[in-house]
């Protein structure tokens, strides 16, 4: 459980840096965990899957980036 939260925070932080978004630790955790779910859904819909931890992190970061982009479209920056 602790490792999942820390990985979620890492994925959220990386996505925030890539997208030029700011946020705190809790926001990064939520963004990373939700992004992981979104990324896994999109990847499986495209027939792509992670075979190792790095792949899972990349898919999670991609999903978090999608969530940031969606948030910008819905609420503006």
PDB file of N, CA and C in Angstrom:
ATOM      1  N   UNK A   1       0.825  -1.192   0.000  1.00  0.00           N
ATOM      2  CA  UNK A   1       0.000   0.000   0.000  1.00  0.00           C
ATOM      3  C   UNK A   1       0.871   1.259   0.000  1.00  0.00           C
ATOM      4  N   UNK A   2       1.864   1.291   0.862  1.00  0.00           N
ATOM      5  CA  UNK A   2       2.758   2.454   0.934  1.00  0.00           C
ATOM      6  C   UNK A   2       3.500   2.623  -0.389  1.00  0.00           C
ATOM      7  N   UNK A   3       3.937   1.528  -0.969  1.00  0.00           N
ATOM      8  CA  UNK A   3       4.675   1.603  -2.237  1.00  0.00           C
ATOM      9  C   UNK A   3       3.771   2.137  -3.341  1.00  0.00           C
ATOM     10  N   UNK A   4       2.504   1.725  -3.350  1.00  0.00           N
ATOM     11  CA  UNK A   4       1.561   2.224  -4.359  1.00  0.00           C
ATOM     12  C   UNK A   4       1.369   3.725  -4.229  1.00  0.00           C
ATOM     13  N   UNK A   5       1.251   4.215  -3.006  1.00  0.00           N
ATOM     14  CA  UNK A   5       1.079   5.645  -2.777  1.00  0.00           C
ATOM     15  C   UNK A   5       2.324   6.402  -3.224  1.00  0.00           C
ATOM     16  N   UNK A   6       3.496   5.881  -2.887  1.00  0.00           N
ATOM     17  CA  UNK A   6       4.737   6.551  -3.291  1.00  0.00           C
ATOM     18  C   UNK A   6       4.915   6.533  -4.807  1.00  0.00           C
ATOM     19  N   UNK A   7       4.577   5.417  -5.442  1.00  0.00           N
ATOM     20  CA  UNK A   7       4.658   5.362  -6.903  1.00  0.00           C
ATOM     21  C   UNK A   7       3.644   6.304  -7.538  1.00  0.00           C
ATOM     22  N   UNK A   8       2.452   6.397  -6.934  1.00  0.00           N
ATOM     23  CA  UNK A   8       1.455   7.342  -7.418  1.00  0.00           C
ATOM     24  C   UNK A   8       1.956   8.769  -7.325  1.00  0.00           C
ATOM     25  N   UNK A   9       2.591   9.096  -6.211  1.00  0.00           N
ATOM     26  CA  UNK A   9       3.158  10.438  -6.048  1.00  0.00           C
ATOM     27  C   UNK A   9       4.237  10.693  -7.091  1.00  0.00           C
ATOM     28  N   UNK A  10       5.069   9.710  -7.337  1.00  0.00           N
ATOM     29  CA  UNK A  10       6.128   9.847  -8.341  1.00  0.00           C
ATOM     30  C   UNK A  10       5.536  10.065  -9.726  1.00  0.00           C
ATOM     31  N   UNK A  11       4.545   9.263 -10.095  1.00  0.00           N
ATOM     32  CA  UNK A  11       3.923   9.408 -11.414  1.00  0.00           C
ATOM     33  C   UNK A  11       3.246  10.769 -11.553  1.00  0.00           C
ATOM     34  N   UNK A  12       2.552  11.214 -10.509  1.00  0.00           N
ATOM     35  CA  UNK A  12       1.907  12.521 -10.542  1.00  0.00           C
ATOM     36  C   UNK A  12       2.912  13.649 -10.643  1.00  0.00           C
ATOM     37  N   UNK A  13       4.022  13.521  -9.910  1.00  0.00           N
ATOM     38  CA  UNK A  13       5.062  14.543  -9.946  1.00  0.00           C
ATOM     39  C   UNK A  13       5.690  14.630 -11.339  1.00  0.00           C
ATOM     40  N   UNK A  14       6.006  13.480 -11.927  1.00  0.00           N
ATOM     41  CA  UNK A  14       6.607  13.458 -13.268  1.00  0.00           C
ATOM     42  C   UNK A  14       5.646  14.070 -14.283  1.00  0.00           C
ATOM     43  N   UNK A  15       4.369  13.688 -14.211  1.00  0.00           N
ATOM     44  CA  UNK A  15       3.380  14.235 -15.141  1.00  0.00           C
ATOM     45  C   UNK A  15       3.254  15.741 -14.957  1.00  0.00           C
ATOM     46  N   UNK A  16       3.252  16.201 -13.716  1.00  0.00           N
ATOM     47  CA  UNK A  16       3.173  17.637 -13.457  1.00  0.00           C
ATOM     48  C   UNK A  16       4.347  18.389 -14.046  1.00  0.00           C
ATOM     49  N   UNK A  17       5.541  17.820 -13.925  1.00  0.00           N
ATOM     50  CA  UNK A  17       6.733  18.467 -14.497  1.00  0.00           C
ATOM     51  C   UNK A  17       6.666  18.479 -16.025  1.00  0.00           C
ATOM     52  N   UNK A  18       6.230  17.367 -16.615  1.00  0.00           N
ATOM     53  CA  UNK A  18       6.139  17.296 -18.073  1.00  0.00           C
ATOM     54  C   UNK A  18       5.111  18.278 -18.630  1.00  0.00           C
ATOM     55  N   UNK A  19       4.017  18.469 -17.897  1.00  0.00           N
ATOM     56  CA  UNK A  19       2.922  19.310 -18.369  1.00  0.00           C
ATOM     57  C   UNK A  19       3.024  20.738 -17.850  1.00  0.00           C
ATOM     58  N   UNK A  20       4.032  21.058 -17.055  1.00  0.00           N
ATOM     59  CA  UNK A  20       4.191  22.403 -16.523  1.00  0.00           C
ATOM     60  C   UNK A  20       3.098  22.763 -15.527  1.00  0.00           C
ATOM     61  N   UNK A  21       2.683  21.790 -14.744  1.00  0.00           N
ATOM     62  CA  UNK A  21       1.614  21.982 -13.769  1.00  0.00           C
ATOM     63  C   UNK A  21       2.212  21.988 -12.369  1.00  0.00           C
ATOM     64  N   UNK A  22       1.576  22.738 -11.469  1.00  0.00           N
ATOM     65  CA  UNK A  22       2.048  22.782 -10.090  1.00  0.00           C
ATOM     66  C   UNK A  22       1.050  22.092  -9.189  1.00  0.00           C
ATOM     67  N   UNK A  23       1.537  21.502  -8.138  1.00  0.00           N
ATOM     68  CA  UNK A  23       0.656  20.852  -7.177  1.00  0.00           C
ATOM     69  C   UNK A  23       1.452  20.321  -6.008  1.00  0.00           C
ATOM     70  N   UNK A  24       0.752  20.007  -4.955  1.00  0.00           N
ATOM     71  CA  UNK A  24       1.388  19.495  -3.760  1.00  0.00           C
ATOM     72  C   UNK A  24       1.469  17.984  -3.752  1.00  0.00           C
ATOM     73  N   UNK A  25       1.935  17.456  -2.641  1.00  0.00           N
ATOM     74  CA  UNK A  25       2.153  16.023  -2.504  1.00  0.00           C
ATOM     75  C   UNK A  25       0.846  15.239  -2.636  1.00  0.00           C
ATOM     76  N   UNK A  26      -0.214  15.702  -1.976  1.00  0.00           N
ATOM     77  CA  UNK A  26      -1.498  15.000  -2.028  1.00  0.00           C
ATOM     78  C   UNK A  26      -2.058  15.026  -3.447  1.00  0.00           C
ATOM     79  N   UNK A  27      -1.958  16.151  -4.107  1.00  0.00           N
ATOM     80  CA  UNK A  27      -2.440  16.242  -5.489  1.00  0.00           C
ATOM     81  C   UNK A  27      -1.660  15.296  -6.394  1.00  0.00           C
ATOM     82  N   UNK A  28      -0.355  15.205  -6.198  1.00  0.00           N
ATOM     83  CA  UNK A  28       0.458  14.301  -6.999  1.00  0.00           C
ATOM     84  C   UNK A  28       0.067  12.851  -6.766  1.00  0.00           C
ATOM     85  N   UNK A  29      -0.216  12.492  -5.513  1.00  0.00           N
ATOM     86  CA  UNK A  29      -0.633  11.122  -5.213  1.00  0.00           C
ATOM     87  C   UNK A  29      -1.935  10.806  -5.940  1.00  0.00           C
ATOM     88  N   UNK A  30      -2.923  11.692  -5.792  1.00  0.00           N
ATOM     89  CA  UNK A  30      -4.220  11.458  -6.429  1.00  0.00           C
ATOM     90  C   UNK A  30      -4.110  11.432  -7.949  1.00  0.00           C
ATOM     91  N   UNK A  31      -3.341  12.359  -8.481  1.00  0.00           N
ATOM     92  CA  UNK A  31      -3.152  12.422  -9.928  1.00  0.00           C
ATOM     93  C   UNK A  31      -2.443  11.174 -10.444  1.00  0.00           C
ATOM     94  N   UNK A  32      -1.430  10.722  -9.732  1.00  0.00           N
ATOM     95  CA  UNK A  32      -0.694   9.531 -10.149  1.00  0.00           C
ATOM     96  C   UNK A  32      -1.531   8.269 -10.075  1.00  0.00           C
ATOM     97  N   UNK A  33      -2.309   8.104  -9.005  1.00  0.00           N
ATOM     98  CA  UNK A  33      -3.145   6.913  -8.865  1.00  0.00           C
ATOM     99  C   UNK A  33      -4.273   6.910  -9.891  1.00  0.00           C
ATOM    100  N   UNK A  34      -4.940   8.048 -10.063  1.00  0.00           N
ATOM    101  CA  UNK A  34      -6.004   8.132 -11.070  1.00  0.00           C
ATOM    102  C   UNK A  34      -5.419   8.012 -12.474  1.00  0.00           C
ATOM    103  N   UNK A  35      -4.263   8.620 -12.684  1.00  0.00           N
ATOM    104  CA  UNK A  35      -3.603   8.535 -13.985  1.00  0.00           C
ATOM    105  C   UNK A  35      -3.208   7.118 -14.334  1.00  0.00           C
ATOM    106  N   UNK A  36      -2.826   6.354 -13.339  1.00  0.00           N
ATOM    107  CA  UNK A  36      -2.487   4.961 -13.575  1.00  0.00           C
ATOM    108  C   UNK A  36      -3.705   4.178 -14.061  1.00  0.00           C
ATOM    109  N   UNK A  37      -4.849   4.431 -13.448  1.00  0.00           N
ATOM    110  CA  UNK A  37      -6.082   3.749 -13.865  1.00  0.00           C
ATOM    111  C   UNK A  37      -6.465   4.160 -15.288  1.00  0.00           C
ATOM    112  N   UNK A  38      -6.397   5.459 -15.579  1.00  0.00           N
ATOM    113  CA  UNK A  38      -6.738   5.956 -16.912  1.00  0.00           C
ATOM    114  C   UNK A  38      -5.740   5.423 -17.942  1.00  0.00           C
ATOM    115  N   UNK A  39      -4.455   5.476 -17.599  1.00  0.00           N
ATOM    116  CA  UNK A  39      -3.424   4.988 -18.517  1.00  0.00           C
ATOM    117  C   UNK A  39      -3.573   3.513 -18.823  1.00  0.00           C
ATOM    118  N   UNK A  40      -3.874   2.716 -17.806  1.00  0.00           N
ATOM    119  CA  UNK A  40      -4.074   1.282 -18.030  1.00  0.00           C
ATOM    120  C   UNK A  40      -5.295   1.022 -18.896  1.00  0.00           C
ATOM    121  N   UNK A  41      -6.364   1.790 -18.697  1.00  0.00           N
ATOM    122  CA  UNK A  41      -7.567   1.631 -19.518  1.00  0.00           C
ATOM    123  C   UNK A  41      -7.272   1.972 -20.980  1.00  0.00           C
ATOM    124  N   UNK A  42      -6.615   3.109 -21.204  1.00  0.00           N
ATOM    125  CA  UNK A  42      -6.304   3.536 -22.570  1.00  0.00           C
ATOM    126  C   UNK A  42      -5.333   2.556 -23.227  1.00  0.00           C
ATOM    127  N   UNK A  43      -4.313   2.149 -22.489  1.00  0.00           N
ATOM    128  CA  UNK A  43      -3.322   1.220 -23.051  1.00  0.00           C
ATOM    129  C   UNK A  43      -3.957  -0.118 -23.417  1.00  0.00           C
ATOM    130  N   UNK A  44      -4.807  -0.637 -22.536  1.00  0.00           N
ATOM    131  CA  UNK A  44      -5.439  -1.925 -22.847  1.00  0.00           C
ATOM    132  C   UNK A  44      -6.413  -1.781 -24.007  1.00  0.00           C
ATOM    133  N   UNK A  45      -7.056  -0.616 -24.144  1.00  0.00           N
ATOM    134  CA  UNK A  45      -7.946  -0.380 -25.284  1.00  0.00           C
ATOM    135  C   UNK A  45      -7.172  -0.367 -26.594  1.00  0.00           C
ATOM    136  N   UNK A  46      -5.920   0.066 -26.520  1.00  0.00           N
ATOM    137  CA  UNK A  46      -5.067   0.104 -27.715  1.00  0.00           C
ATOM    138  C   UNK A  46      -4.300  -1.197 -27.921  1.00  0.00           C
ATOM    139  N   UNK A  47      -4.468  -2.153 -27.014  1.00  0.00           N
ATOM    140  CA  UNK A  47      -3.777  -3.431 -27.127  1.00  0.00           C
ATOM    141  C   UNK A  47      -2.338  -3.386 -26.646  1.00  0.00           C
ATOM    142  N   UNK A  48      -2.019  -2.425 -25.783  1.00  0.00           N
ATOM    143  CA  UNK A  48      -0.662  -2.263 -25.264  1.00  0.00           C
ATOM    144  C   UNK A  48      -0.680  -2.630 -23.789  1.00  0.00           C
ATOM    145  N   UNK A  49       0.356  -3.286 -23.335  1.00  0.00           N
ATOM    146  CA  UNK A  49       0.449  -3.619 -21.925  1.00  0.00           C
ATOM    147  C   UNK A  49       1.880  -3.487 -21.436  1.00  0.00           C
ATOM    148  N   UNK A  50       2.015  -3.248 -20.148  1.00  0.00           N
ATOM    149  CA  UNK A  50       3.340  -3.121 -19.542  1.00  0.00           C
ATOM    150  C   UNK A  50       3.859  -4.505 -19.181  1.00  0.00           C
ATOM    151  N   UNK A  51       5.129  -4.726 -19.437  1.00  0.00           N
ATOM    152  CA  UNK A  51       5.742  -6.014 -19.091  1.00  0.00           C
ATOM    153  C   UNK A  51       6.669  -5.901 -17.886  1.00  0.00           C
ATOM    154  N   UNK A  52       6.913  -4.685 -17.417  1.00  0.00           N
ATOM    155  CA  UNK A  52       7.772  -4.488 -16.245  1.00  0.00           C
ATOM    156  C   UNK A  52       7.356  -3.227 -15.496  1.00  0.00           C
ATOM    157  N   UNK A  53       8.043  -2.921 -14.431  1.00  0.00           N
ATOM    158  CA  UNK A  53       7.700  -1.770 -13.595  1.00  0.00           C
ATOM    159  C   UNK A  53       7.870  -0.451 -14.337  1.00  0.00           C
ATOM    160  N   UNK A  54       8.906  -0.331 -15.136  1.00  0.00           N
ATOM    161  CA  UNK A  54       9.127   0.898 -15.889  1.00  0.00           C
ATOM    162  C   UNK A  54       7.975   1.161 -16.854  1.00  0.00           C
ATOM    163  N   UNK A  55       7.515   0.114 -17.509  1.00  0.00           N
ATOM    164  CA  UNK A  55       6.372   0.255 -18.410  1.00  0.00           C
ATOM    165  C   UNK A  55       5.126   0.698 -17.677  1.00  0.00           C
ATOM    166  N   UNK A  56       4.905   0.152 -16.498  1.00  0.00           N
ATOM    167  CA  UNK A  56       3.748   0.550 -15.688  1.00  0.00           C
ATOM    168  C   UNK A  56       3.830   2.007 -15.286  1.00  0.00           C
ATOM    169  N   UNK A  57       5.024   2.456 -14.920  1.00  0.00           N
ATOM    170  CA  UNK A  57       5.206   3.859 -14.542  1.00  0.00           C
ATOM    171  C   UNK A  57       4.974   4.759 -15.750  1.00  0.00           C
ATOM    172  N   UNK A  58       5.478   4.387 -16.907  1.00  0.00           N
ATOM    173  CA  UNK A  58       5.280   5.197 -18.109  1.00  0.00           C
ATOM    174  C   UNK A  58       3.807   5.282 -18.488  1.00  0.00           C
ATOM    175  N   UNK A  59       3.084   4.187 -18.367  1.00  0.00           N
ATOM    176  CA  UNK A  59       1.653   4.188 -18.656  1.00  0.00           C
ATOM    177  C   UNK A  59       0.922   5.072 -17.641  1.00  0.00           C
ATOM    178  N   UNK A  60       1.307   4.986 -16.375  1.00  0.00           N
ATOM    179  CA  UNK A  60       0.697   5.824 -15.349  1.00  0.00           C
ATOM    180  C   UNK A  60       0.972   7.300 -15.568  1.00  0.00           C
ATOM    181  N   UNK A  61       2.186   7.633 -15.947  1.00  0.00           N
ATOM    182  CA  UNK A  61       2.535   9.031 -16.236  1.00  0.00           C
ATOM    183  C   UNK A  61       1.736   9.532 -17.440  1.00  0.00           C
ATOM    184  N   UNK A  62       1.613   8.699 -18.454  1.00  0.00           N
ATOM    185  CA  UNK A  62       0.814   9.078 -19.626  1.00  0.00           C
ATOM    186  C   UNK A  62      -0.637   9.337 -19.266  1.00  0.00           C
ATOM    187  N   UNK A  63      -1.203   8.479 -18.423  1.00  0.00           N
ATOM    188  CA  UNK A  63      -2.576   8.670 -17.973  1.00  0.00           C
ATOM    189  C   UNK A  63      -2.729   9.933 -17.147  1.00  0.00           C
ATOM    190  N   UNK A  64      -1.753  10.216 -16.291  1.00  0.00           N
ATOM    191  CA  UNK A  64      -1.796  11.441 -15.488  1.00  0.00           C
ATOM    192  C   UNK A  64      -1.691  12.674 -16.381  1.00  0.00           C
ATOM    193  N   UNK A  65      -0.870  12.607 -17.410  1.00  0.00           N
ATOM    194  CA  UNK A  65      -0.781  13.718 -18.368  1.00  0.00           C
ATOM    195  C   UNK A  65      -2.120  13.934 -19.075  1.00  0.00           C
ATOM    196  N   UNK A  66      -2.792  12.836 -19.416  1.00  0.00           N
ATOM    197  CA  UNK A  66      -4.121  12.957 -20.018  1.00  0.00           C
ATOM    198  C   UNK A  66      -5.109  13.629 -19.068  1.00  0.00           C
ATOM    199  N   UNK A  67      -5.034  13.292 -17.784  1.00  0.00           N
ATOM    200  CA  UNK A  67      -5.917  13.919 -16.807  1.00  0.00           C
ATOM    201  C   UNK A  67      -5.625  15.404 -16.652  1.00  0.00           C
ATOM    202  N   UNK A  68      -4.351  15.779 -16.656  1.00  0.00           N
ATOM    203  CA  UNK A  68      -3.997  17.204 -16.583  1.00  0.00           C
ATOM    204  C   UNK A  68      -4.540  17.932 -17.804  1.00  0.00           C
ATOM    205  N   UNK A  69      -4.371  17.340 -18.976  1.00  0.00           N
ATOM    206  CA  UNK A  69      -4.868  17.947 -20.210  1.00  0.00           C
ATOM    207  C   UNK A  69      -6.388  18.080 -20.175  1.00  0.00           C
ATOM    208  N   UNK A  70      -7.074  17.065 -19.717  1.00  0.00           N
ATOM    209  CA  UNK A  70      -8.527  17.111 -19.605  1.00  0.00           C
ATOM    210  C   UNK A  70      -8.965  18.197 -18.621  1.00  0.00           C
ATOM    211  N   UNK A  71      -8.262  18.302 -17.497  1.00  0.00           N
ATOM    212  CA  UNK A  71      -8.566  19.343 -16.523  1.00  0.00           C
ATOM    213  C   UNK A  71      -8.391  20.737 -17.101  1.00  0.00           C
ATOM    214  N   UNK A  72      -7.375  20.920 -17.916  1.00  0.00           N
ATOM    215  CA  UNK A  72      -7.140  22.219 -18.550  1.00  0.00           C
ATOM    216  C   UNK A  72      -8.254  22.546 -19.540  1.00  0.00           C
ATOM    217  N   UNK A  73      -8.691  21.539 -20.285  1.00  0.00           N
ATOM    218  CA  UNK A  73      -9.774  21.767 -21.243  1.00  0.00           C
ATOM    219  C   UNK A  73     -11.068  22.117 -20.526  1.00  0.00           C
ATOM    220  N   UNK A  74     -11.348  21.426 -19.432  1.00  0.00           N
ATOM    221  CA  UNK A  74     -12.612  21.632 -18.723  1.00  0.00           C
ATOM    222  C   UNK A  74     -12.625  22.912 -17.898  1.00  0.00           C
ATOM    223  N   UNK A  75     -11.521  23.196 -17.213  1.00  0.00           N
ATOM    224  CA  UNK A  75     -11.514  24.289 -16.250  1.00  0.00           C
ATOM    225  C   UNK A  75     -10.599  25.452 -16.631  1.00  0.00           C
ATOM    226  N   UNK A  76      -9.893  25.336 -17.732  1.00  0.00           N
ATOM    227  CA  UNK A  76      -8.968  26.387 -18.152  1.00  0.00           C
ATOM    228  C   UNK A  76      -7.739  26.399 -17.260  1.00  0.00           C
ATOM    229  N   UNK A  77      -6.776  27.213 -17.636  1.00  0.00           N
ATOM    230  CA  UNK A  77      -5.561  27.253 -16.816  1.00  0.00           C
ATOM    231  C   UNK A  77      -5.454  28.505 -16.053  1.00  0.00           C
TER     232      UNK A  77
END
